[in-house]
Amino acid sequence: MARTYSRVVETRHGRYDVARIPLPECPIPGFRASLIQAVHADRPPRRAIRLTLYERADPPRGEASRAA
């Protein structure tokens, strides 16, 4: 499983702690999913912003060359 990471992002609305959490399963075949969550870093967090990111999964090695 891929590892979770976080970083601080600066925007015109303030600083946010942003975390990316890879999900173990994705409901869409051929894709992998991650949960992205952001909360204010420079003031008390009142709410979190969350979204799910879907990325096309890399084909297994050798499969891409067979398709060409």
PDB file of N, CA and C in Angstrom:
ATOM      1  N   MET A   1       0.844  -1.178   0.000  1.00  0.00           N
ATOM      2  CA  MET A   1       0.000   0.000   0.000  1.00  0.00           C
ATOM      3  C   MET A   1       0.892   1.244   0.000  1.00  0.00           C
ATOM      4  N   ALA A   2       0.473   2.259  -0.727  1.00  0.00           N
ATOM      5  CA  ALA A   2       1.227   3.512  -0.772  1.00  0.00           C
ATOM      6  C   ALA A   2       1.144   4.213   0.578  1.00  0.00           C
ATOM      7  N   ARG A   3       2.094   5.070   0.842  1.00  0.00           N
ATOM      8  CA  ARG A   3       2.112   5.702   2.163  1.00  0.00           C
ATOM      9  C   ARG A   3       1.344   7.020   2.176  1.00  0.00           C
ATOM     10  N   THR A   4       0.904   7.375   3.355  1.00  0.00           N
ATOM     11  CA  THR A   4       0.200   8.634   3.574  1.00  0.00           C
ATOM     12  C   THR A   4       1.234   9.750   3.700  1.00  0.00           C
ATOM     13  N   TYR A   5       0.935  10.908   3.167  1.00  0.00           N
ATOM     14  CA  TYR A   5       1.834  12.040   3.371  1.00  0.00           C
ATOM     15  C   TYR A   5       1.026  13.298   3.608  1.00  0.00           C
ATOM     16  N   SER A   6       1.675  14.286   4.204  1.00  0.00           N
ATOM     17  CA  SER A   6       1.011  15.567   4.436  1.00  0.00           C
ATOM     18  C   SER A   6       2.006  16.691   4.206  1.00  0.00           C
ATOM     19  N   ARG A   7       1.468  17.869   3.966  1.00  0.00           N
ATOM     20  CA  ARG A   7       2.294  19.058   3.771  1.00  0.00           C
ATOM     21  C   ARG A   7       1.452  20.283   4.080  1.00  0.00           C
ATOM     22  N   VAL A   8       2.097  21.415   4.227  1.00  0.00           N
ATOM     23  CA  VAL A   8       1.407  22.681   4.454  1.00  0.00           C
ATOM     24  C   VAL A   8       1.382  23.432   3.131  1.00  0.00           C
ATOM     25  N   VAL A   9       0.195  23.924   2.769  1.00  0.00           N
ATOM     26  CA  VAL A   9       0.012  24.666   1.522  1.00  0.00           C
ATOM     27  C   VAL A   9      -0.434  26.076   1.877  1.00  0.00           C
ATOM     28  N   GLU A  10       0.216  27.067   1.285  1.00  0.00           N
ATOM     29  CA  GLU A  10      -0.106  28.480   1.518  1.00  0.00           C
ATOM     30  C   GLU A  10      -1.003  28.974   0.383  1.00  0.00           C
ATOM     31  N   THR A  11      -2.151  29.571   0.731  1.00  0.00           N
ATOM     32  CA  THR A  11      -3.056  30.149  -0.265  1.00  0.00           C
ATOM     33  C   THR A  11      -3.372  31.585   0.138  1.00  0.00           C
ATOM     34  N   ARG A  12      -4.119  32.283  -0.681  1.00  0.00           N
ATOM     35  CA  ARG A  12      -4.490  33.656  -0.315  1.00  0.00           C
ATOM     36  C   ARG A  12      -5.477  33.675   0.845  1.00  0.00           C
ATOM     37  N   HIS A  13      -6.080  32.533   1.153  1.00  0.00           N
ATOM     38  CA  HIS A  13      -7.028  32.434   2.265  1.00  0.00           C
ATOM     39  C   HIS A  13      -6.383  31.905   3.538  1.00  0.00           C
ATOM     40  N   GLY A  14      -5.089  31.649   3.510  1.00  0.00           N
ATOM     41  CA  GLY A  14      -4.392  31.166   4.697  1.00  0.00           C
ATOM     42  C   GLY A  14      -3.570  29.922   4.416  1.00  0.00           C
ATOM     43  N   ARG A  15      -3.105  29.318   5.509  1.00  0.00           N
ATOM     44  CA  ARG A  15      -2.291  28.102   5.408  1.00  0.00           C
ATOM     45  C   ARG A  15      -3.159  26.892   5.728  1.00  0.00           C
ATOM     46  N   TYR A  16      -2.936  25.823   4.976  1.00  0.00           N
ATOM     47  CA  TYR A  16      -3.706  24.598   5.162  1.00  0.00           C
ATOM     48  C   TYR A  16      -2.762  23.418   5.359  1.00  0.00           C
ATOM     49  N   ASP A  17      -3.111  22.540   6.302  1.00  0.00           N
ATOM     50  CA  ASP A  17      -2.470  21.235   6.407  1.00  0.00           C
ATOM     51  C   ASP A  17      -3.227  20.323   5.455  1.00  0.00           C
ATOM     52  N   VAL A  18      -2.514  19.752   4.494  1.00  0.00           N
ATOM     53  CA  VAL A  18      -3.147  18.900   3.494  1.00  0.00           C
ATOM     54  C   VAL A  18      -2.564  17.500   3.616  1.00  0.00           C
ATOM     55  N   ALA A  19      -3.437  16.507   3.686  1.00  0.00           N
ATOM     56  CA  ALA A  19      -3.008  15.111   3.779  1.00  0.00           C
ATOM     57  C   ALA A  19      -3.585  14.326   2.608  1.00  0.00           C
ATOM     58  N   ARG A  20      -2.785  13.403   2.104  1.00  0.00           N
ATOM     59  CA  ARG A  20      -3.237  12.483   1.052  1.00  0.00           C
ATOM     60  C   ARG A  20      -3.161  11.074   1.617  1.00  0.00           C
ATOM     61  N   ILE A  21      -4.309  10.400   1.627  1.00  0.00           N
ATOM     62  CA  ILE A  21      -4.403   9.066   2.203  1.00  0.00           C
ATOM     63  C   ILE A  21      -4.842   8.102   1.104  1.00  0.00           C
ATOM     64  N   PRO A  22      -3.951   7.233   0.645  1.00  0.00           N
ATOM     65  CA  PRO A  22      -4.343   6.262  -0.382  1.00  0.00           C
ATOM     66  C   PRO A  22      -5.399   5.302   0.167  1.00  0.00           C
ATOM     67  N   LEU A  23      -6.435   5.036  -0.612  1.00  0.00           N
ATOM     68  CA  LEU A  23      -7.475   4.099  -0.206  1.00  0.00           C
ATOM     69  C   LEU A  23      -7.101   2.696  -0.678  1.00  0.00           C
ATOM     70  N   PRO A  24      -7.389   1.667   0.122  1.00  0.00           N
ATOM     71  CA  PRO A  24      -6.976   0.307  -0.240  1.00  0.00           C
ATOM     72  C   PRO A  24      -7.694  -0.247  -1.466  1.00  0.00           C
ATOM     73  N   GLU A  25      -8.922   0.205  -1.717  1.00  0.00           N
ATOM     74  CA  GLU A  25      -9.682  -0.280  -2.866  1.00  0.00           C
ATOM     75  C   GLU A  25     -10.335   0.898  -3.580  1.00  0.00           C
ATOM     76  N   CYS A  26     -10.546   0.728  -4.870  1.00  0.00           N
ATOM     77  CA  CYS A  26     -11.206   1.767  -5.663  1.00  0.00           C
ATOM     78  C   CYS A  26     -12.429   1.156  -6.341  1.00  0.00           C
ATOM     79  N   PRO A  27     -13.573   1.840  -6.305  1.00  0.00           N
ATOM     80  CA  PRO A  27     -14.774   1.294  -6.935  1.00  0.00           C
ATOM     81  C   PRO A  27     -14.734   1.321  -8.468  1.00  0.00           C
ATOM     82  N   ILE A  28     -13.764   2.027  -9.047  1.00  0.00           N
ATOM     83  CA  ILE A  28     -13.670   2.136 -10.504  1.00  0.00           C
ATOM     84  C   ILE A  28     -12.534   1.236 -10.988  1.00  0.00           C
ATOM     85  N   PRO A  29     -12.823   0.198 -11.776  1.00  0.00           N
ATOM     86  CA  PRO A  29     -11.766  -0.690 -12.268  1.00  0.00           C
ATOM     87  C   PRO A  29     -10.724   0.082 -13.077  1.00  0.00           C
ATOM     88  N   GLY A  30      -9.454  -0.251 -12.872  1.00  0.00           N
ATOM     89  CA  GLY A  30      -8.366   0.392 -13.600  1.00  0.00           C
ATOM     90  C   GLY A  30      -7.910   1.716 -13.017  1.00  0.00           C
ATOM     91  N   PHE A  31      -8.454   2.103 -11.881  1.00  0.00           N
ATOM     92  CA  PHE A  31      -8.082   3.350 -11.222  1.00  0.00           C
ATOM     93  C   PHE A  31      -7.673   3.069  -9.787  1.00  0.00           C
ATOM     94  N   ARG A  32      -6.932   3.999  -9.196  1.00  0.00           N
ATOM     95  CA  ARG A  32      -6.641   3.958  -7.762  1.00  0.00           C
ATOM     96  C   ARG A  32      -7.205   5.243  -7.162  1.00  0.00           C
ATOM     97  N   ALA A  33      -7.573   5.170  -5.891  1.00  0.00           N
ATOM     98  CA  ALA A  33      -8.226   6.306  -5.244  1.00  0.00           C
ATOM     99  C   ALA A  33      -7.437   6.756  -4.020  1.00  0.00           C
ATOM    100  N   SER A  34      -7.459   8.062  -3.765  1.00  0.00           N
ATOM    101  CA  SER A  34      -6.847   8.652  -2.573  1.00  0.00           C
ATOM    102  C   SER A  34      -7.824   9.655  -1.986  1.00  0.00           C
ATOM    103  N   LEU A  35      -7.805   9.762  -0.680  1.00  0.00           N
ATOM    104  CA  LEU A  35      -8.604  10.760   0.017  1.00  0.00           C
ATOM    105  C   LEU A  35      -7.702  11.955   0.284  1.00  0.00           C
ATOM    106  N   ILE A  36      -8.138  13.151  -0.087  1.00  0.00           N
ATOM    107  CA  ILE A  36      -7.402  14.388   0.166  1.00  0.00           C
ATOM    108  C   ILE A  36      -8.193  15.162   1.214  1.00  0.00           C
ATOM    109  N   GLN A  37      -7.509  15.601   2.277  1.00  0.00           N
ATOM    110  CA  GLN A  37      -8.179  16.370   3.331  1.00  0.00           C
ATOM    111  C   GLN A  37      -7.330  17.585   3.673  1.00  0.00           C
ATOM    112  N   ALA A  38      -7.988  18.744   3.809  1.00  0.00           N
ATOM    113  CA  ALA A  38      -7.299  19.988   4.165  1.00  0.00           C
ATOM    114  C   ALA A  38      -8.020  20.654   5.332  1.00  0.00           C
ATOM    115  N   VAL A  39      -7.238  21.172   6.291  1.00  0.00           N
ATOM    116  CA  VAL A  39      -7.771  21.951   7.414  1.00  0.00           C
ATOM    117  C   VAL A  39      -6.873  23.169   7.606  1.00  0.00           C
ATOM    118  N   HIS A  40      -7.440  24.262   8.124  1.00  0.00           N
ATOM    119  CA  HIS A  40      -6.646  25.469   8.361  1.00  0.00           C
ATOM    120  C   HIS A  40      -5.511  25.177   9.333  1.00  0.00           C
ATOM    121  N   ALA A  41      -4.317  25.639   9.002  1.00  0.00           N
ATOM    122  CA  ALA A  41      -3.157  25.444   9.864  1.00  0.00           C
ATOM    123  C   ALA A  41      -2.912  26.654  10.751  1.00  0.00           C
ATOM    124  N   ASP A  42      -3.425  27.828  10.361  1.00  0.00           N
ATOM    125  CA  ASP A  42      -3.110  29.055  11.089  1.00  0.00           C
ATOM    126  C   ASP A  42      -4.255  29.560  11.959  1.00  0.00           C
ATOM    127  N   ARG A  43      -5.322  28.798  12.090  1.00  0.00           N
ATOM    128  CA  ARG A  43      -6.416  29.153  13.000  1.00  0.00           C
ATOM    129  C   ARG A  43      -7.160  27.869  13.367  1.00  0.00           C
ATOM    130  N   PRO A  44      -7.979  27.928  14.400  1.00  0.00           N
ATOM    131  CA  PRO A  44      -8.677  26.698  14.800  1.00  0.00           C
ATOM    132  C   PRO A  44      -9.538  26.153  13.658  1.00  0.00           C
ATOM    133  N   PRO A  45      -9.368  24.877  13.335  1.00  0.00           N
ATOM    134  CA  PRO A  45     -10.151  24.323  12.225  1.00  0.00           C
ATOM    135  C   PRO A  45     -11.623  24.183  12.601  1.00  0.00           C
ATOM    136  N   ARG A  46     -12.483  24.778  11.790  1.00  0.00           N
ATOM    137  CA  ARG A  46     -13.926  24.648  11.998  1.00  0.00           C
ATOM    138  C   ARG A  46     -14.490  23.515  11.161  1.00  0.00           C
ATOM    139  N   ARG A  47     -13.857  23.264  10.054  1.00  0.00           N
ATOM    140  CA  ARG A  47     -14.304  22.180   9.190  1.00  0.00           C
ATOM    141  C   ARG A  47     -13.145  21.726   8.310  1.00  0.00           C
ATOM    142  N   ALA A  48     -13.276  20.536   7.802  1.00  0.00           N
ATOM    143  CA  ALA A  48     -12.275  19.984   6.897  1.00  0.00           C
ATOM    144  C   ALA A  48     -12.842  19.990   5.483  1.00  0.00           C
ATOM    145  N   ILE A  49     -11.973  20.166   4.532  1.00  0.00           N
ATOM    146  CA  ILE A  49     -12.334  20.052   3.120  1.00  0.00           C
ATOM    147  C   ILE A  49     -11.836  18.681   2.687  1.00  0.00           C
ATOM    148  N   ARG A  50     -12.716  17.873   2.137  1.00  0.00           N
ATOM    149  CA  ARG A  50     -12.340  16.519   1.725  1.00  0.00           C
ATOM    150  C   ARG A  50     -12.766  16.274   0.283  1.00  0.00           C
ATOM    151  N   LEU A  51     -11.934  15.541  -0.432  1.00  0.00           N
ATOM    152  CA  LEU A  51     -12.302  15.104  -1.771  1.00  0.00           C
ATOM    153  C   LEU A  51     -11.629  13.779  -2.049  1.00  0.00           C
ATOM    154  N   THR A  52     -12.162  13.060  -3.007  1.00  0.00           N
ATOM    155  CA  THR A  52     -11.562  11.796  -3.423  1.00  0.00           C
ATOM    156  C   THR A  52     -10.931  12.014  -4.787  1.00  0.00           C
ATOM    157  N   LEU A  53      -9.676  11.632  -4.905  1.00  0.00           N
ATOM    158  CA  LEU A  53      -8.924  11.767  -6.148  1.00  0.00           C
ATOM    159  C   LEU A  53      -8.832  10.393  -6.800  1.00  0.00           C
ATOM    160  N   TYR A  54      -9.233  10.303  -8.060  1.00  0.00           N
ATOM    161  CA  TYR A  54      -9.130   9.059  -8.822  1.00  0.00           C
ATOM    162  C   TYR A  54      -8.049   9.239  -9.880  1.00  0.00           C
ATOM    163  N   GLU A  55      -7.096   8.311  -9.902  1.00  0.00           N
ATOM    164  CA  GLU A  55      -6.007   8.347 -10.882  1.00  0.00           C
ATOM    165  C   GLU A  55      -5.993   7.026 -11.632  1.00  0.00           C
ATOM    166  N   ARG A  56      -5.726   7.106 -12.918  1.00  0.00           N
ATOM    167  CA  ARG A  56      -5.624   5.868 -13.698  1.00  0.00           C
ATOM    168  C   ARG A  56      -4.437   5.063 -13.175  1.00  0.00           C
ATOM    169  N   ALA A  57      -4.681   3.798 -12.902  1.00  0.00           N
ATOM    170  CA  ALA A  57      -3.621   2.918 -12.401  1.00  0.00           C
ATOM    171  C   ALA A  57      -2.677   2.570 -13.547  1.00  0.00           C
ATOM    172  N   ASP A  58      -1.405   2.402 -13.224  1.00  0.00           N
ATOM    173  CA  ASP A  58      -0.436   1.989 -14.232  1.00  0.00           C
ATOM    174  C   ASP A  58      -0.741   0.551 -14.645  1.00  0.00           C
ATOM    175  N   PRO A  59      -0.650   0.236 -15.940  1.00  0.00           N
ATOM    176  CA  PRO A  59      -0.878  -1.154 -16.349  1.00  0.00           C
ATOM    177  C   PRO A  59       0.238  -2.047 -15.807  1.00  0.00           C
ATOM    178  N   PRO A  60      -0.036  -3.317 -15.576  1.00  0.00           N
ATOM    179  CA  PRO A  60       1.023  -4.230 -15.129  1.00  0.00           C
ATOM    180  C   PRO A  60       2.164  -4.239 -16.134  1.00  0.00           C
ATOM    181  N   ARG A  61       3.373  -4.449 -15.652  1.00  0.00           N
ATOM    182  CA  ARG A  61       4.546  -4.452 -16.543  1.00  0.00           C
ATOM    183  C   ARG A  61       4.370  -5.482 -17.654  1.00  0.00           C
ATOM    184  N   GLY A  62       4.711  -5.078 -18.857  1.00  0.00           N
ATOM    185  CA  GLY A  62       4.618  -5.966 -20.003  1.00  0.00           C
ATOM    186  C   GLY A  62       3.282  -5.879 -20.723  1.00  0.00           C
ATOM    187  N   GLU A  63       2.232  -5.464 -20.036  1.00  0.00           N
ATOM    188  CA  GLU A  63       0.913  -5.395 -20.660  1.00  0.00           C
ATOM    189  C   GLU A  63       0.852  -4.274 -21.693  1.00  0.00           C
ATOM    190  N   ALA A  64       1.486  -3.145 -21.424  1.00  0.00           N
ATOM    191  CA  ALA A  64       1.469  -2.015 -22.356  1.00  0.00           C
ATOM    192  C   ALA A  64       2.188  -2.379 -23.655  1.00  0.00           C
ATOM    193  N   SER A  65       3.285  -3.133 -23.566  1.00  0.00           N
ATOM    194  CA  SER A  65       4.025  -3.483 -24.775  1.00  0.00           C
ATOM    195  C   SER A  65       3.252  -4.496 -25.616  1.00  0.00           C
ATOM    196  N   ARG A  66       2.435  -5.361 -24.988  1.00  0.00           N
ATOM    197  CA  ARG A  66       1.632  -6.324 -25.734  1.00  0.00           C
ATOM    198  C   ARG A  66       0.498  -5.636 -26.487  1.00  0.00           C
ATOM    199  N   ALA A  67      -0.012  -4.533 -25.933  1.00  0.00           N
ATOM    200  CA  ALA A  67      -1.134  -3.835 -26.561  1.00  0.00           C
ATOM    201  C   ALA A  67      -0.698  -3.042 -27.790  1.00  0.00           C
ATOM    202  N   ALA A  68       0.578  -2.702 -27.878  1.00  0.00           N
ATOM    203  CA  ALA A  68       1.066  -1.862 -28.980  1.00  0.00           C
ATOM    204  C   ALA A  68       1.207  -2.613 -30.275  1.00  0.00           C
TER     205      ALA A  68
END
